[in-house]
Protein backbone atom coordinates (compact mmCIF):
# COMPACT_ATOMS: atom_id res chain seq x y z
CA MET A 1 0.01 0.01 0.00
CA LYS A 2 1.33 3.38 -1.06
CA VAL A 3 0.36 6.26 1.29
CA LYS A 4 -0.53 9.54 -0.53
CA PHE A 5 0.05 12.65 1.45
CA ASN A 6 -1.28 15.98 0.20
CA LYS A 7 -1.21 19.63 1.23
CA TYR A 8 -4.84 19.71 2.17
CA VAL A 9 -4.33 17.04 4.83
CA GLU A 10 -1.48 18.99 6.33
CA ILE A 11 -3.48 22.24 6.31
CA VAL A 12 -6.34 20.50 8.21
CA ILE A 13 -3.85 19.04 10.73
CA LEU A 14 -2.25 22.46 11.17
CA VAL A 15 -5.70 24.03 11.80
CA PHE A 16 -6.60 21.33 14.40
CA SER A 17 -3.29 21.89 16.04
CA LEU A 18 -3.86 25.59 16.33
CA PHE A 19 -7.26 24.95 17.85
CA GLY A 20 -5.53 22.60 20.33
CA PHE A 21 -2.99 25.28 21.08
CA ALA A 22 -5.84 27.77 21.85
CA GLY A 23 -7.68 25.19 23.91
CA ARG A 24 -4.61 24.44 26.09
CA PHE A 25 -4.28 28.17 26.84
CA TRP A 26 -7.78 27.94 28.31
CA ALA A 27 -7.59 24.54 29.89
CA LEU A 28 -3.94 24.62 31.17
CA PRO A 29 -3.08 28.36 32.02
CA GLU A 30 -0.30 27.21 34.31
CA LEU A 31 1.86 26.02 31.33
CA THR A 32 4.58 28.40 30.09
CA LEU A 33 4.68 29.55 26.42
CA VAL A 34 7.62 27.20 25.69
CA GLU A 35 5.59 24.29 27.04
CA HIS A 36 2.55 25.26 24.91
CA ILE A 37 4.72 25.36 21.74
CA ALA A 38 6.32 22.01 22.66
CA TYR A 39 2.85 20.42 23.09
CA PHE A 40 1.80 22.01 19.82
CA PHE A 41 4.39 20.11 17.82
CA ILE A 42 3.65 16.97 19.77
CA GLN A 43 0.03 17.37 18.75
CA ILE A 44 0.99 17.69 15.04
CA LEU A 45 3.00 14.46 15.25
CA ILE A 46 0.05 12.70 16.96
CA LEU A 47 -2.49 13.99 14.36
CA ASN A 48 -0.18 12.88 11.52
CA GLY A 49 0.01 9.44 13.07
CA LEU A 50 -3.72 9.46 13.57
CA TRP A 51 -4.33 10.38 9.93
CA LEU A 52 -1.99 7.70 8.85
CA ALA A 53 -3.88 5.15 11.01
CA TYR A 54 -7.17 6.31 9.45
CA TYR A 55 -5.69 6.02 5.96
CA VAL A 56 -4.69 2.35 6.66
CA LEU A 57 -8.15 1.83 8.15
CA ASN A 58 -9.84 3.26 5.13
CA ASP A 59 -7.71 1.24 2.79
CA ARG A 60 -8.39 -2.06 4.57
CA LEU A 61 -12.07 -1.46 4.71
CA ASN A 62 -12.08 -0.75 0.95
CA ILE A 63 -10.82 -4.28 0.51
CA HIS A 64 -12.68 -6.15 3.19
CA LEU A 65 -15.90 -4.06 3.59
CA PRO A 66 -16.39 -2.06 0.35
CA TYR A 67 -19.22 0.40 0.00
CA GLU A 68 -20.91 -1.95 -2.51
CA ASN A 69 -21.63 -4.34 0.39
CA GLY A 70 -23.75 -1.66 2.17
CA VAL A 71 -23.10 1.99 2.46
CA ALA A 72 -24.67 2.39 5.95
CA LEU A 73 -22.74 -0.63 7.34
CA ARG A 74 -19.45 0.68 5.91
CA ILE A 75 -19.85 4.24 7.24
CA ALA A 76 -20.96 3.00 10.72
CA THR A 77 -18.01 0.51 10.95
CA GLN A 78 -15.49 3.14 9.86
CA LEU A 79 -16.73 5.70 12.42
CA ILE A 80 -16.95 3.22 15.24
CA ILE A 81 -13.43 1.80 14.66
CA GLY A 82 -12.16 5.35 14.32
CA TRP A 83 -13.65 6.48 17.61
CA PHE A 84 -12.29 3.39 19.39
CA LEU A 85 -8.91 4.02 17.78
CA ILE A 86 -8.62 7.49 19.10
CA GLU A 87 -10.47 7.17 22.45
CA GLY A 88 -8.96 3.83 23.35
CA MET A 89 -5.49 4.15 21.97
CA MET A 90 -4.38 7.57 20.76
CA ILE A 91 -5.57 9.59 23.78
CA PRO A 92 -3.71 7.41 26.30
CA VAL A 93 -0.61 7.59 24.07
CA GLY A 94 -0.96 11.35 23.93
CA MET A 95 -1.46 11.72 27.62
CA TYR A 96 1.60 9.63 28.25
CA ALA A 97 3.66 11.75 25.89
CA TYR A 98 2.38 14.89 27.57
CA GLN A 99 3.13 13.71 31.19
CA ARG A 100 6.03 11.41 30.84
CA ILE A 101 8.09 11.92 27.66
CA MET A 102 8.48 15.62 27.89
CA PRO A 103 10.68 16.74 30.77
CA MET A 104 8.12 19.14 32.16
CA ARG A 105 6.30 19.46 35.46
CA LEU A 106 3.22 17.11 35.96
CA VAL A 107 -0.07 18.72 35.28
CA GLU A 108 -3.16 17.58 37.08
CA PHE A 109 -6.25 17.01 34.81
CA ASP A 110 -9.68 17.43 36.27
CA LYS A 111 -12.89 16.07 34.79
CA LEU A 112 -13.55 19.21 32.72
CA HIS A 113 -10.18 18.83 31.06
CA PHE A 114 -10.90 15.16 30.23
CA VAL A 115 -14.29 16.07 28.79
CA PHE A 116 -12.66 18.74 26.64
CA ILE A 117 -9.94 16.38 25.39
CA GLY A 118 -12.50 13.60 24.73
CA LEU A 119 -14.89 15.77 22.85
CA THR A 120 -12.02 17.30 20.81
CA ALA A 121 -10.71 13.76 20.00
CA PHE A 122 -14.15 12.58 19.17
CA PHE A 123 -14.86 15.51 16.88
CA GLY A 124 -11.40 15.20 15.20
CA SER A 125 -11.83 11.48 14.66
CA SER A 126 -15.30 12.05 13.03
CA VAL A 127 -14.00 14.82 10.77
CA MET A 128 -11.03 12.74 9.61
CA ASN A 129 -13.10 9.67 8.85
CA LEU A 130 -15.95 11.69 7.28
CA GLY A 131 -13.23 13.22 5.06
CA PHE A 132 -12.26 9.77 3.77
CA ILE A 133 -15.91 8.96 3.25
CA ALA A 134 -16.73 12.19 1.48
CA ASN A 135 -13.68 11.81 -0.71
CA HIS A 136 -14.89 8.31 -1.77
CA PHE A 137 -18.29 9.63 -2.86
CA PHE A 138 -16.75 12.64 -4.58
CA GLU A 139 -14.31 10.43 -6.55
CA GLN A 140 -17.32 8.14 -7.44
CA TRP A 141 -19.32 11.15 -8.60
CA ARG A 142 -16.42 12.42 -10.64
CA THR A 143 -15.86 9.09 -12.28
CA ASN A 144 -19.59 8.70 -13.07
CA SER A 145 -19.64 12.27 -14.50
CA VAL A 146 -16.72 11.55 -16.75
CA ARG A 147 -18.19 8.23 -17.83
CA ALA A 148 -21.56 9.84 -18.54
CA ALA A 149 -19.88 12.59 -20.60
CA ASN A 150 -17.97 10.06 -22.56
CA LEU A 151 -21.06 7.98 -23.26
CA GLU A 152 -22.96 11.10 -24.35
CA LYS A 153 -20.06 12.10 -26.61
CA GLU A 154 -19.97 8.57 -28.09
CA LYS A 155 -23.72 8.65 -28.66
CA THR A 156 -23.45 12.00 -30.34
CA GLN A 157 -20.60 10.79 -32.49
CA VAL A 158 -22.57 7.80 -33.67
CA GLN A 159 -25.56 9.96 -34.42
CA PHE A 160 -23.32 12.43 -36.22
CA ASP A 161 -21.71 9.75 -38.34
CA ASN A 162 -25.07 8.20 -39.16
CA LEU A 163 -26.47 11.55 -40.37
CA LYS A 164 -23.33 12.48 -42.23
CA ASN A 165 -23.31 9.16 -44.02
CA GLN A 166 -26.82 9.86 -45.28
CA LEU A 167 -25.60 12.85 -47.33
CA ASN A 168 -23.05 11.16 -49.61
CA PRO A 169 -25.57 8.58 -50.86
CA HIS A 170 -27.98 11.44 -51.27
CA PHE A 171 -25.54 13.29 -53.47
CA LEU A 172 -24.84 10.22 -55.63
CA PHE A 173 -28.52 9.40 -55.93
CA ASN A 174 -29.35 12.90 -57.28
CA SER A 175 -26.33 13.00 -59.55
CA LEU A 176 -27.16 9.69 -61.16
CA ALA A 177 -30.75 10.88 -61.63
CA SER A 178 -29.49 13.94 -63.39
CA LEU A 179 -27.10 11.80 -65.55
CA ASP A 180 -29.98 9.55 -66.49
CA SER A 181 -32.15 12.38 -67.76
CA LEU A 182 -29.11 13.93 -69.58
CA ILE A 183 -28.35 10.67 -71.33
CA MET A 184 -31.75 10.72 -72.91
CA ASP A 185 -31.50 14.26 -74.04
CA ASN A 186 -27.88 14.54 -75.07
CA PRO A 187 -25.53 11.56 -74.94
CA ALA A 188 -22.49 13.68 -75.73
CA LEU A 189 -23.10 16.08 -72.93
CA ALA A 190 -23.86 13.11 -70.68
CA ARG A 191 -20.29 11.88 -71.29
CA GLN A 192 -18.82 15.33 -70.41
CA PHE A 193 -21.12 15.41 -67.40
CA LEU A 194 -19.75 12.03 -66.23
CA GLN A 195 -16.17 13.25 -66.49
CA GLN A 196 -16.99 16.36 -64.42
CA LEU A 197 -18.88 14.14 -62.04
CA SER A 198 -15.76 12.03 -61.38
CA LYS A 199 -13.82 15.15 -60.41
CA VAL A 200 -16.66 16.39 -58.21
CA TYR A 201 -17.00 13.04 -56.49
CA ARG A 202 -13.34 13.03 -55.69
CA TYR A 203 -14.02 16.07 -53.44
CA VAL A 204 -16.96 14.12 -51.92
CA LEU A 205 -14.71 11.20 -50.96
CA LYS A 206 -12.10 13.58 -49.44
CA SER A 207 -14.71 15.58 -47.56
CA GLN A 208 -16.06 12.40 -46.11
CA GLU A 209 -13.01 12.25 -43.86
CA LYS A 210 -13.87 15.64 -42.37
CA GLY A 211 -16.70 16.70 -40.06
CA LEU A 212 -16.48 20.30 -41.23
CA VAL A 213 -14.73 22.28 -43.92
CA ARG A 214 -14.08 26.07 -44.43
CA VAL A 215 -16.79 28.01 -46.20
CA GLU A 216 -14.15 29.13 -48.69
CA THR A 217 -13.17 25.48 -49.43
CA GLU A 218 -16.89 24.57 -49.98
CA ALA A 219 -17.44 27.64 -52.20
CA GLU A 220 -14.55 26.54 -54.49
CA PHE A 221 -15.98 23.10 -54.75
CA VAL A 222 -19.47 24.31 -55.55
CA LYS A 223 -18.08 26.43 -58.38
CA ASN A 224 -16.90 23.20 -59.96
CA TYR A 225 -20.24 21.65 -59.36
CA ILE A 226 -21.95 24.64 -60.98
CA SER A 227 -19.78 24.22 -64.05
CA LEU A 228 -21.12 20.64 -64.17
CA LEU A 229 -24.78 21.91 -64.00
CA THR A 230 -24.29 24.38 -66.88
CA ILE A 231 -23.50 21.38 -69.10
CA ARG A 232 -26.97 20.17 -68.37
CA PHE A 233 -29.07 23.34 -68.18
CA ALA A 234 -27.08 25.93 -70.16
CA ASP A 235 -28.63 29.44 -69.90
CA SER A 236 -31.75 28.10 -68.12
CA LEU A 237 -29.84 28.03 -64.84
CA SER A 238 -27.73 30.74 -63.22
CA VAL A 239 -25.99 30.66 -59.84
CA ASN A 240 -24.60 33.85 -58.39
CA ILE A 241 -22.16 33.65 -55.37
CA GLU A 242 -21.56 36.68 -53.21
CA LEU A 243 -19.95 35.72 -49.99
CA ASP A 244 -18.78 38.16 -47.26
CA PRO A 245 -15.00 37.72 -46.87
CA LEU A 246 -15.44 37.79 -43.09
CA THR A 247 -17.40 34.52 -43.33
CA LEU A 248 -14.93 32.52 -45.41
CA ASP A 249 -13.02 31.17 -42.37
CA TYR A 250 -16.25 29.86 -40.68
CA GLN A 251 -16.99 26.12 -40.86
CA ILE A 252 -19.64 24.36 -42.86
CA VAL A 253 -20.75 20.71 -43.34
CA PRO A 254 -19.22 19.38 -46.57
CA MET A 255 -21.69 19.09 -49.52
CA THR A 256 -24.07 21.64 -47.91
CA LEU A 257 -24.20 23.94 -50.95
CA GLN A 258 -24.37 21.08 -53.40
CA ILE A 259 -27.37 19.59 -51.58
CA LEU A 260 -29.21 22.91 -51.54
CA LEU A 261 -28.52 23.54 -55.21
CA GLU A 262 -29.75 20.10 -56.10
CA ASN A 263 -32.76 20.56 -53.92
CA ALA A 264 -33.63 23.75 -55.82
CA ILE A 265 -33.13 22.02 -59.21
CA LYS A 266 -35.14 18.98 -58.19
CA HIS A 267 -38.27 20.85 -57.07
CA ASN A 268 -38.48 23.42 -59.80
CA THR A 269 -39.18 23.36 -63.50
CA ILE A 270 -36.25 24.71 -65.51
CA HIS A 271 -36.39 25.88 -69.04
CA ALA A 272 -35.59 28.90 -71.21
CA GLN A 273 -39.00 30.59 -70.55
CA HIS A 274 -38.77 29.96 -66.79
CA PRO A 275 -35.05 30.00 -65.84
CA LEU A 276 -33.95 29.14 -62.32
CA ARG A 277 -31.99 31.86 -60.57
CA ILE A 278 -30.04 30.88 -57.47
CA THR A 279 -28.08 33.16 -55.14
CA ILE A 280 -25.60 32.20 -52.42
CA THR A 281 -24.89 34.97 -50.01
CA SER A 282 -23.47 35.25 -46.47
CA GLU A 283 -23.84 37.69 -43.63
CA GLY A 284 -22.77 37.50 -40.00
CA THR A 285 -22.99 33.87 -38.92
CA TRP A 286 -25.46 32.77 -41.62
CA LEU A 287 -25.18 31.64 -45.21
CA THR A 288 -28.29 31.86 -47.43
CA VAL A 289 -29.19 29.89 -50.56
CA ALA A 290 -32.27 31.43 -52.26
CA ASN A 291 -33.99 30.72 -55.58
CA ASN A 292 -37.10 31.81 -57.41
CA THR A 293 -39.77 29.22 -57.62
CA ASN A 294 -41.53 27.44 -60.43
CA PRO A 295 -42.62 24.30 -58.63
CA LYS A 296 -42.88 20.93 -60.44
CA GLU A 297 -46.26 19.16 -60.26
CA ASN A 298 -44.58 15.92 -59.45
CA VAL A 299 -41.16 15.54 -57.98
CA GLU A 300 -39.56 12.16 -58.88
CA ASN A 301 -36.77 10.41 -56.96
CA SER A 302 -37.28 12.43 -53.81
CA ASN A 303 -36.76 10.68 -50.50
CA GLY A 304 -37.11 13.84 -48.43
CA LYS A 305 -33.91 13.18 -46.36
CA GLY A 306 -31.63 15.83 -47.84
CA LEU A 307 -32.70 18.87 -45.93
CA ILE A 308 -33.78 16.82 -42.83
CA GLY A 309 -30.44 15.14 -42.50
CA LEU A 310 -28.54 18.37 -43.18
CA SER A 311 -30.63 20.25 -40.64
CA SER A 312 -30.12 17.56 -38.00
CA LEU A 313 -26.36 17.77 -38.58
CA TYR A 314 -26.21 21.51 -37.95
CA GLN A 315 -28.41 21.03 -34.82
CA PHE A 316 -25.82 18.57 -33.39
CA LEU A 317 -22.82 20.69 -34.41
CA GLY A 318 -23.88 24.20 -33.62
CA LYS A 319 -27.15 23.89 -31.73
CA ARG A 320 -28.77 25.77 -34.61
CA PRO A 321 -30.84 24.04 -37.42
CA LEU A 322 -31.41 25.35 -40.84
CA LYS A 323 -33.98 28.04 -41.31
CA ILE A 324 -36.26 27.35 -44.24
CA GLU A 325 -38.37 30.09 -45.56
CA ARG A 326 -41.12 29.61 -48.27
CA GLY A 327 -42.62 32.59 -49.98
CA PRO A 328 -45.03 32.88 -52.95
CA ASN A 329 -42.19 33.37 -55.46
CA GLN A 330 -39.07 32.52 -53.55
CA PHE A 331 -37.59 29.70 -51.48
CA SER A 332 -34.54 30.19 -49.23
CA VAL A 333 -32.59 28.11 -46.80
CA ARG A 334 -30.35 29.85 -44.15
CA VAL A 335 -27.42 27.78 -42.98
CA PRO A 336 -25.84 28.51 -39.60
CA LEU A 337 -22.04 28.91 -39.91
CA ILE A 338 -19.95 27.30 -37.26
CA LEU A 339 -16.98 28.52 -35.35
CA HIS A 340 -13.74 26.46 -35.42
CA SER A 341 -13.91 25.38 -31.72
CA VAL A 342 -17.66 24.92 -31.39
CA SER A 343 -17.50 21.13 -31.51
CA SER A 344 -14.88 18.40 -31.26
CA LEU A 345 -16.81 16.56 -33.97
CA GLU A 346 -15.29 18.85 -36.69
CA LYS A 347 -12.31 16.49 -36.45
CA ALA A 348 -14.39 13.40 -36.77
CA GLY A 349 -13.89 11.19 -39.70
């Protein structure tokens, strides 16, 4: 068994010794100052020995009578043994040291003095043992708190990964649907689209390793994606990006802009007479993707998980979901930008 001393124990012992010093001034006025100081240091030695005895007692009881076998029984046993230890053993030893070991005159103790010494010893014993007991429950509480925090973090990580993993299949699903329609209309452009798609999907695979990316990085990716869309829609689609430079260092979930662009394309009719105009802007801690509306009567290949999964991800990461606004002629989605240190999940992969 390795005994661990710490400064708090020594501070408590010093405080008790000072109280004992003051008590002796009241109970034994006949002693000289030198004698009071000598007894003060003897008391420090006795209290250190007493603390060591209680340390050993607490350690043995942890082995032979742990709290798991009954909290009330353990506490009662520790207090009773502690009281017996100090009242039956330590006080007689201390009295002997006071009266015999130190070369000082004998001091007669009356009943009041013995009551004072007994109550002081009883109180000191209780405080020391209760200190060990309280320390046990504090350490148990701290361990449980850390365990609960770790479990919550692991739970959040699993939920985060599950939600994030929904987005990449969503992207591939929509891209293949776009390619399918393009193959029917213009096979040559479909081939060019496929080549661009392979470049874009390379970013998707890289971003899968990251929980978050910089807004500037995502904006550069979406420009490549827009060039892919122009192959399909030509002048029927325009995307204008105007980002505040102050927001470029914020964080964003990878594929956010692509999903929002694809969402606008999927739900609106796009042709020369009714072009789709999309704007991407940022201000403060929000990024907004807005578009005019010309709703399709029937939306094919829509599983409804794109915006829901994306909103849930932002709720986990920044405690703010997406803000979706529907007007008579415009639809917009406001995305909450995330600070670098807002979540440890930004390093998740």
